[in-house]
Amino acid sequence: MTITERTNGGVCILDIDGPITIGPGGSDMLTDKVRSLLQQGHRQLLINLAAVPYMDSTGLGAMVHAYATATRQGGSVKLLNSTKKLHDLLVITKLSTVFESFDSEPAAVASFATV
């Protein structure tokens, strides 16, 4: 898994490429990246899942941890471009009620203006 960081309108976007799973370069990498961004003062995080083919329970845990950590620090985490498989996983686990999810980057970035 690789994580590329970029900004759009003050929102920090994390483009993830590869599965988010247990093991080296997996869910721990996402947790560490989010923690680092929050320490740098980034509070509006958008996780782009377009290139994530699979996420296991550890990956889901990393997503929940990112959300909880950001929320405690006055920030927010939203999702972008969930594949059908990932969307179904979020629905089954009821995490779709926790995460705001968008199919359009401009809409996702604009949603942070109301936060």
PDB file of N, CA and C in Angstrom:
ATOM      1  N   MET A   1       0.833  -1.172   0.000  1.00  0.00           N
ATOM      2  CA  MET A   1       0.000   0.000   0.000  1.00  0.00           C
ATOM      3  C   MET A   1       0.883   1.242   0.000  1.00  0.00           C
ATOM      4  N   THR A   2       0.484   2.221  -0.791  1.00  0.00           N
ATOM      5  CA  THR A   2       1.169   3.506  -0.770  1.00  0.00           C
ATOM      6  C   THR A   2       0.150   4.598  -0.466  1.00  0.00           C
ATOM      7  N   ILE A   3       0.615   5.647   0.193  1.00  0.00           N
ATOM      8  CA  ILE A   3      -0.235   6.786   0.524  1.00  0.00           C
ATOM      9  C   ILE A   3       0.427   8.040  -0.035  1.00  0.00           C
ATOM     10  N   THR A   4      -0.309   8.753  -0.881  1.00  0.00           N
ATOM     11  CA  THR A   4       0.157  10.015  -1.435  1.00  0.00           C
ATOM     12  C   THR A   4      -0.681  11.129  -0.826  1.00  0.00           C
ATOM     13  N   GLU A   5      -0.005  12.153  -0.370  1.00  0.00           N
ATOM     14  CA  GLU A   5      -0.679  13.272   0.289  1.00  0.00           C
ATOM     15  C   GLU A   5      -0.714  14.474  -0.644  1.00  0.00           C
ATOM     16  N   ARG A   6      -1.863  15.132  -0.710  1.00  0.00           N
ATOM     17  CA  ARG A   6      -1.998  16.379  -1.469  1.00  0.00           C
ATOM     18  C   ARG A   6      -3.063  17.231  -0.801  1.00  0.00           C
ATOM     19  N   THR A   7      -3.129  18.510  -1.173  1.00  0.00           N
ATOM     20  CA  THR A   7      -4.152  19.380  -0.604  1.00  0.00           C
ATOM     21  C   THR A   7      -5.008  19.993  -1.701  1.00  0.00           C
ATOM     22  N   ASN A   8      -6.246  20.268  -1.338  1.00  0.00           N
ATOM     23  CA  ASN A   8      -7.193  20.907  -2.240  1.00  0.00           C
ATOM     24  C   ASN A   8      -8.098  21.775  -1.377  1.00  0.00           C
ATOM     25  N   GLY A   9      -8.000  23.079  -1.535  1.00  0.00           N
ATOM     26  CA  GLY A   9      -8.857  23.981  -0.772  1.00  0.00           C
ATOM     27  C   GLY A   9      -8.703  23.868   0.727  1.00  0.00           C
ATOM     28  N   GLY A  10      -7.501  23.608   1.206  1.00  0.00           N
ATOM     29  CA  GLY A  10      -7.267  23.489   2.639  1.00  0.00           C
ATOM     30  C   GLY A  10      -7.568  22.108   3.207  1.00  0.00           C
ATOM     31  N   VAL A  11      -8.040  21.202   2.360  1.00  0.00           N
ATOM     32  CA  VAL A  11      -8.336  19.832   2.785  1.00  0.00           C
ATOM     33  C   VAL A  11      -7.153  18.945   2.405  1.00  0.00           C
ATOM     34  N   CYS A  12      -6.682  18.158   3.345  1.00  0.00           N
ATOM     35  CA  CYS A  12      -5.590  17.234   3.079  1.00  0.00           C
ATOM     36  C   CYS A  12      -6.190  15.927   2.559  1.00  0.00           C
ATOM     37  N   ILE A  13      -5.810  15.565   1.340  1.00  0.00           N
ATOM     38  CA  ILE A  13      -6.345  14.365   0.697  1.00  0.00           C
ATOM     39  C   ILE A  13      -5.272  13.286   0.698  1.00  0.00           C
ATOM     40  N   LEU A  14      -5.664  12.102   1.169  1.00  0.00           N
ATOM     41  CA  LEU A  14      -4.765  10.950   1.174  1.00  0.00           C
ATOM     42  C   LEU A  14      -5.236   9.988   0.092  1.00  0.00           C
ATOM     43  N   ASP A  15      -4.439   9.867  -0.969  1.00  0.00           N
ATOM     44  CA  ASP A  15      -4.735   8.922  -2.037  1.00  0.00           C
ATOM     45  C   ASP A  15      -4.074   7.598  -1.675  1.00  0.00           C
ATOM     46  N   ILE A  16      -4.886   6.578  -1.422  1.00  0.00           N
ATOM     47  CA  ILE A  16      -4.362   5.280  -1.018  1.00  0.00           C
ATOM     48  C   ILE A  16      -4.400   4.339  -2.216  1.00  0.00           C
ATOM     49  N   ASP A  17      -3.288   3.650  -2.427  1.00  0.00           N
ATOM     50  CA  ASP A  17      -3.195   2.698  -3.531  1.00  0.00           C
ATOM     51  C   ASP A  17      -2.772   1.345  -2.970  1.00  0.00           C
ATOM     52  N   GLY A  18      -3.664   0.387  -3.040  1.00  0.00           N
ATOM     53  CA  GLY A  18      -3.379  -0.952  -2.546  1.00  0.00           C
ATOM     54  C   GLY A  18      -4.302  -1.324  -1.407  1.00  0.00           C
ATOM     55  N   PRO A  19      -4.287  -2.583  -1.018  1.00  0.00           N
ATOM     56  CA  PRO A  19      -5.173  -3.044   0.053  1.00  0.00           C
ATOM     57  C   PRO A  19      -4.762  -2.492   1.413  1.00  0.00           C
ATOM     58  N   ILE A  20      -5.759  -2.253   2.255  1.00  0.00           N
ATOM     59  CA  ILE A  20      -5.505  -1.813   3.630  1.00  0.00           C
ATOM     60  C   ILE A  20      -5.727  -3.038   4.505  1.00  0.00           C
ATOM     61  N   THR A  21      -4.634  -3.689   4.864  1.00  0.00           N
ATOM     62  CA  THR A  21      -4.696  -4.947   5.598  1.00  0.00           C
ATOM     63  C   THR A  21      -3.646  -4.975   6.700  1.00  0.00           C
ATOM     64  N   ILE A  22      -3.688  -6.031   7.490  1.00  0.00           N
ATOM     65  CA  ILE A  22      -2.693  -6.230   8.535  1.00  0.00           C
ATOM     66  C   ILE A  22      -1.339  -6.529   7.877  1.00  0.00           C
ATOM     67  N   GLY A  23      -0.284  -6.140   8.535  1.00  0.00           N
ATOM     68  CA  GLY A  23       1.045  -6.453   8.029  1.00  0.00           C
ATOM     69  C   GLY A  23       1.827  -5.203   7.672  1.00  0.00           C
ATOM     70  N   PRO A  24       3.085  -5.403   7.292  1.00  0.00           N
ATOM     71  CA  PRO A  24       3.950  -4.268   6.952  1.00  0.00           C
ATOM     72  C   PRO A  24       3.363  -3.460   5.794  1.00  0.00           C
ATOM     73  N   GLY A  25       3.398  -2.143   5.944  1.00  0.00           N
ATOM     74  CA  GLY A  25       2.899  -1.271   4.888  1.00  0.00           C
ATOM     75  C   GLY A  25       1.392  -1.296   4.756  1.00  0.00           C
ATOM     76  N   GLY A  26       0.700  -1.725   5.800  1.00  0.00           N
ATOM     77  CA  GLY A  26      -0.746  -1.821   5.743  1.00  0.00           C
ATOM     78  C   GLY A  26      -1.430  -0.803   6.634  1.00  0.00           C
ATOM     79  N   SER A  27      -2.316  -1.308   7.481  1.00  0.00           N
ATOM     80  CA  SER A  27      -3.146  -0.431   8.305  1.00  0.00           C
ATOM     81  C   SER A  27      -2.323   0.454   9.242  1.00  0.00           C
ATOM     82  N   ASP A  28      -1.189  -0.050   9.722  1.00  0.00           N
ATOM     83  CA  ASP A  28      -0.339   0.769  10.599  1.00  0.00           C
ATOM     84  C   ASP A  28       0.170   2.005   9.868  1.00  0.00           C
ATOM     85  N   MET A  29       0.426   1.859   8.577  1.00  0.00           N
ATOM     86  CA  MET A  29       0.903   2.992   7.779  1.00  0.00           C
ATOM     87  C   MET A  29      -0.162   4.093   7.738  1.00  0.00           C
ATOM     88  N   LEU A  30      -1.421   3.707   7.582  1.00  0.00           N
ATOM     89  CA  LEU A  30      -2.513   4.681   7.560  1.00  0.00           C
ATOM     90  C   LEU A  30      -2.648   5.367   8.915  1.00  0.00           C
ATOM     91  N   THR A  31      -2.600   4.590   9.978  1.00  0.00           N
ATOM     92  CA  THR A  31      -2.701   5.149  11.329  1.00  0.00           C
ATOM     93  C   THR A  31      -1.582   6.150  11.587  1.00  0.00           C
ATOM     94  N   ASP A  32      -0.354   5.786  11.235  1.00  0.00           N
ATOM     95  CA  ASP A  32       0.796   6.665  11.439  1.00  0.00           C
ATOM     96  C   ASP A  32       0.677   7.941  10.613  1.00  0.00           C
ATOM     97  N   LYS A  33       0.205   7.822   9.375  1.00  0.00           N
ATOM     98  CA  LYS A  33       0.073   8.981   8.491  1.00  0.00           C
ATOM     99  C   LYS A  33      -0.951   9.962   9.045  1.00  0.00           C
ATOM    100  N   VAL A  34      -2.086   9.448   9.480  1.00  0.00           N
ATOM    101  CA  VAL A  34      -3.128  10.319  10.040  1.00  0.00           C
ATOM    102  C   VAL A  34      -2.620  11.003  11.307  1.00  0.00           C
ATOM    103  N   ARG A  35      -1.965  10.259  12.154  1.00  0.00           N
ATOM    104  CA  ARG A  35      -1.423  10.835  13.391  1.00  0.00           C
ATOM    105  C   ARG A  35      -0.426  11.957  13.066  1.00  0.00           C
ATOM    106  N   SER A  36       0.441  11.724  12.099  1.00  0.00           N
ATOM    107  CA  SER A  36       1.430  12.714  11.694  1.00  0.00           C
ATOM    108  C   SER A  36       0.756  13.979  11.148  1.00  0.00           C
ATOM    109  N   LEU A  37      -0.254  13.802  10.316  1.00  0.00           N
ATOM    110  CA  LEU A  37      -0.953  14.964   9.745  1.00  0.00           C
ATOM    111  C   LEU A  37      -1.654  15.774  10.826  1.00  0.00           C
ATOM    112  N   LEU A  38      -2.263  15.099  11.783  1.00  0.00           N
ATOM    113  CA  LEU A  38      -2.930  15.814  12.873  1.00  0.00           C
ATOM    114  C   LEU A  38      -1.922  16.585  13.711  1.00  0.00           C
ATOM    115  N   GLN A  39      -0.745  16.014  13.938  1.00  0.00           N
ATOM    116  CA  GLN A  39       0.306  16.705  14.694  1.00  0.00           C
ATOM    117  C   GLN A  39       0.805  17.931  13.939  1.00  0.00           C
ATOM    118  N   GLN A  40       0.739  17.887  12.601  1.00  0.00           N
ATOM    119  CA  GLN A  40       1.157  19.023  11.778  1.00  0.00           C
ATOM    120  C   GLN A  40       0.071  20.095  11.681  1.00  0.00           C
ATOM    121  N   GLY A  41      -1.087  19.827  12.271  1.00  0.00           N
ATOM    122  CA  GLY A  41      -2.154  20.818  12.276  1.00  0.00           C
ATOM    123  C   GLY A  41      -3.232  20.618  11.228  1.00  0.00           C
ATOM    124  N   HIS A  42      -3.132  19.580  10.436  1.00  0.00           N
ATOM    125  CA  HIS A  42      -4.182  19.299   9.448  1.00  0.00           C
ATOM    126  C   HIS A  42      -5.385  18.719  10.191  1.00  0.00           C
ATOM    127  N   ARG A  43      -6.545  19.319  10.014  1.00  0.00           N
ATOM    128  CA  ARG A  43      -7.739  18.852  10.722  1.00  0.00           C
ATOM    129  C   ARG A  43      -8.825  18.350   9.780  1.00  0.00           C
ATOM    130  N   GLN A  44      -8.706  18.649   8.508  1.00  0.00           N
ATOM    131  CA  GLN A  44      -9.696  18.226   7.523  1.00  0.00           C
ATOM    132  C   GLN A  44      -9.041  17.200   6.608  1.00  0.00           C
ATOM    133  N   LEU A  45      -9.403  15.938   6.814  1.00  0.00           N
ATOM    134  CA  LEU A  45      -8.774  14.840   6.086  1.00  0.00           C
ATOM    135  C   LEU A  45      -9.796  14.130   5.214  1.00  0.00           C
ATOM    136  N   LEU A  46      -9.409  13.890   3.979  1.00  0.00           N
ATOM    137  CA  LEU A  46     -10.245  13.173   3.024  1.00  0.00           C
ATOM    138  C   LEU A  46      -9.450  11.967   2.537  1.00  0.00           C
ATOM    139  N   ILE A  47      -9.987  10.775   2.733  1.00  0.00           N
ATOM    140  CA  ILE A  47      -9.290   9.550   2.344  1.00  0.00           C
ATOM    141  C   ILE A  47      -9.890   9.042   1.042  1.00  0.00           C
ATOM    142  N   ASN A  48      -9.063   9.049  -0.017  1.00  0.00           N
ATOM    143  CA  ASN A  48      -9.481   8.608  -1.339  1.00  0.00           C
ATOM    144  C   ASN A  48      -9.235   7.104  -1.451  1.00  0.00           C
ATOM    145  N   LEU A  49     -10.334   6.352  -1.580  1.00  0.00           N
ATOM    146  CA  LEU A  49     -10.263   4.885  -1.601  1.00  0.00           C
ATOM    147  C   LEU A  49     -10.405   4.299  -3.000  1.00  0.00           C
ATOM    148  N   ALA A  50     -10.307   5.124  -4.035  1.00  0.00           N
ATOM    149  CA  ALA A  50     -10.549   4.666  -5.412  1.00  0.00           C
ATOM    150  C   ALA A  50      -9.648   3.500  -5.810  1.00  0.00           C
ATOM    151  N   ALA A  51      -8.408   3.471  -5.312  1.00  0.00           N
ATOM    152  CA  ALA A  51      -7.455   2.428  -5.714  1.00  0.00           C
ATOM    153  C   ALA A  51      -7.245   1.383  -4.616  1.00  0.00           C
ATOM    154  N   VAL A  52      -8.228   1.250  -3.719  1.00  0.00           N
ATOM    155  CA  VAL A  52      -8.147   0.256  -2.650  1.00  0.00           C
ATOM    156  C   VAL A  52      -9.054  -0.919  -3.021  1.00  0.00           C
ATOM    157  N   PRO A  53      -8.452  -2.050  -3.431  1.00  0.00           N
ATOM    158  CA  PRO A  53      -9.271  -3.182  -3.855  1.00  0.00           C
ATOM    159  C   PRO A  53      -9.855  -3.990  -2.703  1.00  0.00           C
ATOM    160  N   TYR A  54      -9.235  -3.886  -1.517  1.00  0.00           N
ATOM    161  CA  TYR A  54      -9.631  -4.747  -0.399  1.00  0.00           C
ATOM    162  C   TYR A  54      -9.237  -4.095   0.915  1.00  0.00           C
ATOM    163  N   MET A  55     -10.085  -4.323   1.929  1.00  0.00           N
ATOM    164  CA  MET A  55      -9.780  -3.850   3.274  1.00  0.00           C
ATOM    165  C   MET A  55     -10.228  -4.934   4.243  1.00  0.00           C
ATOM    166  N   ASP A  56      -9.322  -5.370   5.128  1.00  0.00           N
ATOM    167  CA  ASP A  56      -9.704  -6.375   6.118  1.00  0.00           C
ATOM    168  C   ASP A  56     -10.134  -5.686   7.410  1.00  0.00           C
ATOM    169  N   SER A  57     -10.396  -6.466   8.439  1.00  0.00           N
ATOM    170  CA  SER A  57     -10.876  -5.900   9.700  1.00  0.00           C
ATOM    171  C   SER A  57      -9.845  -4.959  10.328  1.00  0.00           C
ATOM    172  N   THR A  58      -8.579  -5.226  10.108  1.00  0.00           N
ATOM    173  CA  THR A  58      -7.537  -4.344  10.625  1.00  0.00           C
ATOM    174  C   THR A  58      -7.590  -2.991   9.911  1.00  0.00           C
ATOM    175  N   GLY A  59      -7.856  -3.034   8.607  1.00  0.00           N
ATOM    176  CA  GLY A  59      -8.015  -1.799   7.842  1.00  0.00           C
ATOM    177  C   GLY A  59      -9.208  -0.994   8.322  1.00  0.00           C
ATOM    178  N   LEU A  60     -10.320  -1.685   8.590  1.00  0.00           N
ATOM    179  CA  LEU A  60     -11.495  -1.006   9.143  1.00  0.00           C
ATOM    180  C   LEU A  60     -11.165  -0.372  10.489  1.00  0.00           C
ATOM    181  N   GLY A  61     -10.412  -1.107  11.299  1.00  0.00           N
ATOM    182  CA  GLY A  61      -9.998  -0.575  12.597  1.00  0.00           C
ATOM    183  C   GLY A  61      -9.146   0.673  12.450  1.00  0.00           C
ATOM    184  N   ALA A  62      -8.258   0.682  11.456  1.00  0.00           N
ATOM    185  CA  ALA A  62      -7.417   1.858  11.211  1.00  0.00           C
ATOM    186  C   ALA A  62      -8.266   3.053  10.790  1.00  0.00           C
ATOM    187  N   MET A  63      -9.311   2.798   9.988  1.00  0.00           N
ATOM    188  CA  MET A  63     -10.204   3.876   9.558  1.00  0.00           C
ATOM    189  C   MET A  63     -10.962   4.454  10.755  1.00  0.00           C
ATOM    190  N   VAL A  64     -11.466   3.576  11.616  1.00  0.00           N
ATOM    191  CA  VAL A  64     -12.189   4.025  12.806  1.00  0.00           C
ATOM    192  C   VAL A  64     -11.247   4.784  13.734  1.00  0.00           C
ATOM    193  N   HIS A  65     -10.035   4.298  13.877  1.00  0.00           N
ATOM    194  CA  HIS A  65      -9.046   4.979  14.718  1.00  0.00           C
ATOM    195  C   HIS A  65      -8.748   6.367  14.171  1.00  0.00           C
ATOM    196  N   ALA A  66      -8.586   6.477  12.861  1.00  0.00           N
ATOM    197  CA  ALA A  66      -8.330   7.774  12.234  1.00  0.00           C
ATOM    198  C   ALA A  66      -9.488   8.728  12.508  1.00  0.00           C
ATOM    199  N   TYR A  67     -10.701   8.240  12.354  1.00  0.00           N
ATOM    200  CA  TYR A  67     -11.891   9.058  12.584  1.00  0.00           C
ATOM    201  C   TYR A  67     -11.952   9.529  14.039  1.00  0.00           C
ATOM    202  N   ALA A  68     -11.771   8.600  14.972  1.00  0.00           N
ATOM    203  CA  ALA A  68     -11.860   8.932  16.392  1.00  0.00           C
ATOM    204  C   ALA A  68     -10.763   9.905  16.816  1.00  0.00           C
ATOM    205  N   THR A  69      -9.558   9.669  16.346  1.00  0.00           N
ATOM    206  CA  THR A  69      -8.435  10.535  16.699  1.00  0.00           C
ATOM    207  C   THR A  69      -8.647  11.947  16.161  1.00  0.00           C
ATOM    208  N   ALA A  70      -9.058  12.060  14.920  1.00  0.00           N
ATOM    209  CA  ALA A  70      -9.296  13.377  14.315  1.00  0.00           C
ATOM    210  C   ALA A  70     -10.440  14.098  15.020  1.00  0.00           C
ATOM    211  N   THR A  71     -11.506  13.383  15.314  1.00  0.00           N
ATOM    212  CA  THR A  71     -12.668  13.993  15.964  1.00  0.00           C
ATOM    213  C   THR A  71     -12.305  14.513  17.349  1.00  0.00           C
ATOM    214  N   ARG A  72     -11.525  13.746  18.102  1.00  0.00           N
ATOM    215  CA  ARG A  72     -11.091  14.183  19.441  1.00  0.00           C
ATOM    216  C   ARG A  72     -10.267  15.462  19.373  1.00  0.00           C
ATOM    217  N   GLN A  73      -9.568  15.658  18.253  1.00  0.00           N
ATOM    218  CA  GLN A  73      -8.712  16.836  18.109  1.00  0.00           C
ATOM    219  C   GLN A  73      -9.407  17.954  17.337  1.00  0.00           C
ATOM    220  N   GLY A  74     -10.721  17.865  17.199  1.00  0.00           N
ATOM    221  CA  GLY A  74     -11.482  18.918  16.541  1.00  0.00           C
ATOM    222  C   GLY A  74     -11.467  18.842  15.025  1.00  0.00           C
ATOM    223  N   GLY A  75     -11.074  17.731  14.486  1.00  0.00           N
ATOM    224  CA  GLY A  75     -11.019  17.579  13.031  1.00  0.00           C
ATOM    225  C   GLY A  75     -12.087  16.641  12.526  1.00  0.00           C
ATOM    226  N   SER A  76     -11.959  16.290  11.244  1.00  0.00           N
ATOM    227  CA  SER A  76     -12.900  15.337  10.670  1.00  0.00           C
ATOM    228  C   SER A  76     -12.233  14.540   9.564  1.00  0.00           C
ATOM    229  N   VAL A  77     -12.736  13.329   9.374  1.00  0.00           N
ATOM    230  CA  VAL A  77     -12.255  12.432   8.332  1.00  0.00           C
ATOM    231  C   VAL A  77     -13.456  12.031   7.492  1.00  0.00           C
ATOM    232  N   LYS A  78     -13.322  12.192   6.187  1.00  0.00           N
ATOM    233  CA  LYS A  78     -14.375  11.798   5.257  1.00  0.00           C
ATOM    234  C   LYS A  78     -13.765  10.905   4.190  1.00  0.00           C
ATOM    235  N   LEU A  79     -14.623  10.159   3.505  1.00  0.00           N
ATOM    236  CA  LEU A  79     -14.162   9.199   2.506  1.00  0.00           C
ATOM    237  C   LEU A  79     -14.549   9.634   1.107  1.00  0.00           C
ATOM    238  N   LEU A  80     -13.705   9.278   0.153  1.00  0.00           N
ATOM    239  CA  LEU A  80     -13.915   9.621  -1.247  1.00  0.00           C
ATOM    240  C   LEU A  80     -13.744   8.374  -2.107  1.00  0.00           C
ATOM    241  N   ASN A  81     -14.625   8.210  -3.082  1.00  0.00           N
ATOM    242  CA  ASN A  81     -14.505   7.165  -4.110  1.00  0.00           C
ATOM    243  C   ASN A  81     -14.397   5.750  -3.560  1.00  0.00           C
ATOM    244  N   SER A  82     -15.264   5.400  -2.637  1.00  0.00           N
ATOM    245  CA  SER A  82     -15.293   4.012  -2.157  1.00  0.00           C
ATOM    246  C   SER A  82     -15.748   3.112  -3.302  1.00  0.00           C
ATOM    247  N   THR A  83     -15.050   2.022  -3.504  1.00  0.00           N
ATOM    248  CA  THR A  83     -15.487   1.057  -4.509  1.00  0.00           C
ATOM    249  C   THR A  83     -16.774   0.405  -4.005  1.00  0.00           C
ATOM    250  N   LYS A  84     -17.487  -0.277  -4.881  1.00  0.00           N
ATOM    251  CA  LYS A  84     -18.726  -0.939  -4.469  1.00  0.00           C
ATOM    252  C   LYS A  84     -18.443  -1.939  -3.353  1.00  0.00           C
ATOM    253  N   LYS A  85     -17.360  -2.665  -3.483  1.00  0.00           N
ATOM    254  CA  LYS A  85     -16.993  -3.661  -2.473  1.00  0.00           C
ATOM    255  C   LYS A  85     -16.754  -3.000  -1.108  1.00  0.00           C
ATOM    256  N   LEU A  86     -16.021  -1.883  -1.102  1.00  0.00           N
ATOM    257  CA  LEU A  86     -15.754  -1.190   0.159  1.00  0.00           C
ATOM    258  C   LEU A  86     -17.017  -0.533   0.702  1.00  0.00           C
ATOM    259  N   HIS A  87     -17.834   0.014  -0.196  1.00  0.00           N
ATOM    260  CA  HIS A  87     -19.091   0.624   0.242  1.00  0.00           C
ATOM    261  C   HIS A  87     -19.974  -0.428   0.921  1.00  0.00           C
ATOM    262  N   ASP A  88     -20.074  -1.598   0.310  1.00  0.00           N
ATOM    263  CA  ASP A  88     -20.868  -2.683   0.892  1.00  0.00           C
ATOM    264  C   ASP A  88     -20.321  -3.087   2.262  1.00  0.00           C
ATOM    265  N   LEU A  89     -19.005  -3.123   2.400  1.00  0.00           N
ATOM    266  CA  LEU A  89     -18.378  -3.451   3.678  1.00  0.00           C
ATOM    267  C   LEU A  89     -18.732  -2.405   4.733  1.00  0.00           C
ATOM    268  N   LEU A  90     -18.716  -1.131   4.354  1.00  0.00           N
ATOM    269  CA  LEU A  90     -19.078  -0.064   5.292  1.00  0.00           C
ATOM    270  C   LEU A  90     -20.544  -0.158   5.697  1.00  0.00           C
ATOM    271  N   VAL A  91     -21.406  -0.546   4.766  1.00  0.00           N
ATOM    272  CA  VAL A  91     -22.832  -0.707   5.080  1.00  0.00           C
ATOM    273  C   VAL A  91     -23.041  -1.882   6.031  1.00  0.00           C
ATOM    274  N   ILE A  92     -22.417  -3.009   5.731  1.00  0.00           N
ATOM    275  CA  ILE A  92     -22.572  -4.217   6.558  1.00  0.00           C
ATOM    276  C   ILE A  92     -22.104  -3.968   7.985  1.00  0.00           C
ATOM    277  N   THR A  93     -21.011  -3.237   8.131  1.00  0.00           N
ATOM    278  CA  THR A  93     -20.452  -2.978   9.460  1.00  0.00           C
ATOM    279  C   THR A  93     -21.078  -1.760  10.129  1.00  0.00           C
ATOM    280  N   LYS A  94     -22.024  -1.135   9.446  1.00  0.00           N
ATOM    281  CA  LYS A  94     -22.721   0.070   9.936  1.00  0.00           C
ATOM    282  C   LYS A  94     -21.810   1.289  10.018  1.00  0.00           C
ATOM    283  N   LEU A  95     -20.603   1.191   9.458  1.00  0.00           N
ATOM    284  CA  LEU A  95     -19.694   2.342   9.460  1.00  0.00           C
ATOM    285  C   LEU A  95     -20.131   3.395   8.442  1.00  0.00           C
ATOM    286  N   SER A  96     -21.042   3.035   7.561  1.00  0.00           N
ATOM    287  CA  SER A  96     -21.562   4.026   6.608  1.00  0.00           C
ATOM    288  C   SER A  96     -22.358   5.103   7.341  1.00  0.00           C
ATOM    289  N   THR A  97     -22.791   4.812   8.571  1.00  0.00           N
ATOM    290  CA  THR A  97     -23.493   5.821   9.363  1.00  0.00           C
ATOM    291  C   THR A  97     -22.512   6.727  10.109  1.00  0.00           C
ATOM    292  N   VAL A  98     -21.258   6.337  10.147  1.00  0.00           N
ATOM    293  CA  VAL A  98     -20.225   7.115  10.839  1.00  0.00           C
ATOM    294  C   VAL A  98     -19.491   8.031   9.863  1.00  0.00           C
ATOM    295  N   PHE A  99     -19.061   7.471   8.735  1.00  0.00           N
ATOM    296  CA  PHE A  99     -18.264   8.207   7.769  1.00  0.00           C
ATOM    297  C   PHE A  99     -19.144   8.871   6.715  1.00  0.00           C
ATOM    298  N   GLU A 100     -18.879  10.145   6.459  1.00  0.00           N
ATOM    299  CA  GLU A 100     -19.469  10.784   5.293  1.00  0.00           C
ATOM    300  C   GLU A 100     -18.665  10.313   4.094  1.00  0.00           C
ATOM    301  N   SER A 101     -19.353   9.910   3.048  1.00  0.00           N
ATOM    302  CA  SER A 101     -18.687   9.360   1.872  1.00  0.00           C
ATOM    303  C   SER A 101     -19.154  10.088   0.623  1.00  0.00           C
ATOM    304  N   PHE A 102     -18.223  10.357  -0.279  1.00  0.00           N
ATOM    305  CA  PHE A 102     -18.507  11.124  -1.487  1.00  0.00           C
ATOM    306  C   PHE A 102     -17.947  10.418  -2.719  1.00  0.00           C
ATOM    307  N   ASP A 103     -18.604  10.655  -3.847  1.00  0.00           N
ATOM    308  CA  ASP A 103     -18.140  10.129  -5.132  1.00  0.00           C
ATOM    309  C   ASP A 103     -17.433  11.195  -5.949  1.00  0.00           C
ATOM    310  N   SER A 104     -17.492  12.443  -5.492  1.00  0.00           N
ATOM    311  CA  SER A 104     -16.919  13.568  -6.221  1.00  0.00           C
ATOM    312  C   SER A 104     -15.977  14.350  -5.303  1.00  0.00           C
ATOM    313  N   GLU A 105     -14.750  14.557  -5.768  1.00  0.00           N
ATOM    314  CA  GLU A 105     -13.793  15.309  -4.948  1.00  0.00           C
ATOM    315  C   GLU A 105     -14.254  16.746  -4.689  1.00  0.00           C
ATOM    316  N   PRO A 106     -14.757  17.474  -5.703  1.00  0.00           N
ATOM    317  CA  PRO A 106     -15.231  18.837  -5.420  1.00  0.00           C
ATOM    318  C   PRO A 106     -16.339  18.874  -4.361  1.00  0.00           C
ATOM    319  N   ALA A 107     -17.268  17.932  -4.411  1.00  0.00           N
ATOM    320  CA  ALA A 107     -18.340  17.885  -3.412  1.00  0.00           C
ATOM    321  C   ALA A 107     -17.785  17.571  -2.031  1.00  0.00           C
ATOM    322  N   ALA A 108     -16.826  16.654  -1.976  1.00  0.00           N
ATOM    323  CA  ALA A 108     -16.221  16.282  -0.695  1.00  0.00           C
ATOM    324  C   ALA A 108     -15.476  17.465  -0.088  1.00  0.00           C
ATOM    325  N   VAL A 109     -14.687  18.156  -0.895  1.00  0.00           N
ATOM    326  CA  VAL A 109     -13.922  19.312  -0.411  1.00  0.00           C
ATOM    327  C   VAL A 109     -14.886  20.407   0.057  1.00  0.00           C
ATOM    328  N   ALA A 110     -15.950  20.644  -0.706  1.00  0.00           N
ATOM    329  CA  ALA A 110     -16.932  21.675  -0.358  1.00  0.00           C
ATOM    330  C   ALA A 110     -17.634  21.342   0.957  1.00  0.00           C
ATOM    331  N   SER A 111     -17.801  20.044   1.252  1.00  0.00           N
ATOM    332  CA  SER A 111     -18.501  19.655   2.490  1.00  0.00           C
ATOM    333  C   SER A 111     -17.746  20.071   3.736  1.00  0.00           C
ATOM    334  N   PHE A 112     -16.449  20.258   3.646  1.00  0.00           N
ATOM    335  CA  PHE A 112     -15.667  20.672   4.804  1.00  0.00           C
ATOM    336  C   PHE A 112     -15.935  22.138   5.165  1.00  0.00           C
ATOM    337  N   ALA A 113     -16.433  22.908   4.228  1.00  0.00           N
ATOM    338  CA  ALA A 113     -16.717  24.322   4.494  1.00  0.00           C
ATOM    339  C   ALA A 113     -17.836  24.474   5.515  1.00  0.00           C
ATOM    340  N   THR A 114     -18.682  23.460   5.633  1.00  0.00           N
ATOM    341  CA  THR A 114     -19.794  23.526   6.590  1.00  0.00           C
ATOM    342  C   THR A 114     -19.425  22.961   7.946  1.00  0.00           C
ATOM    343  N   VAL A 115     -18.187  22.457   8.082  1.00  0.00           N
ATOM    344  CA  VAL A 115     -17.760  21.863   9.358  1.00  0.00           C
ATOM    345  C   VAL A 115     -17.357  22.936  10.318  1.00  0.00           C
TER     346      VAL A 115
END
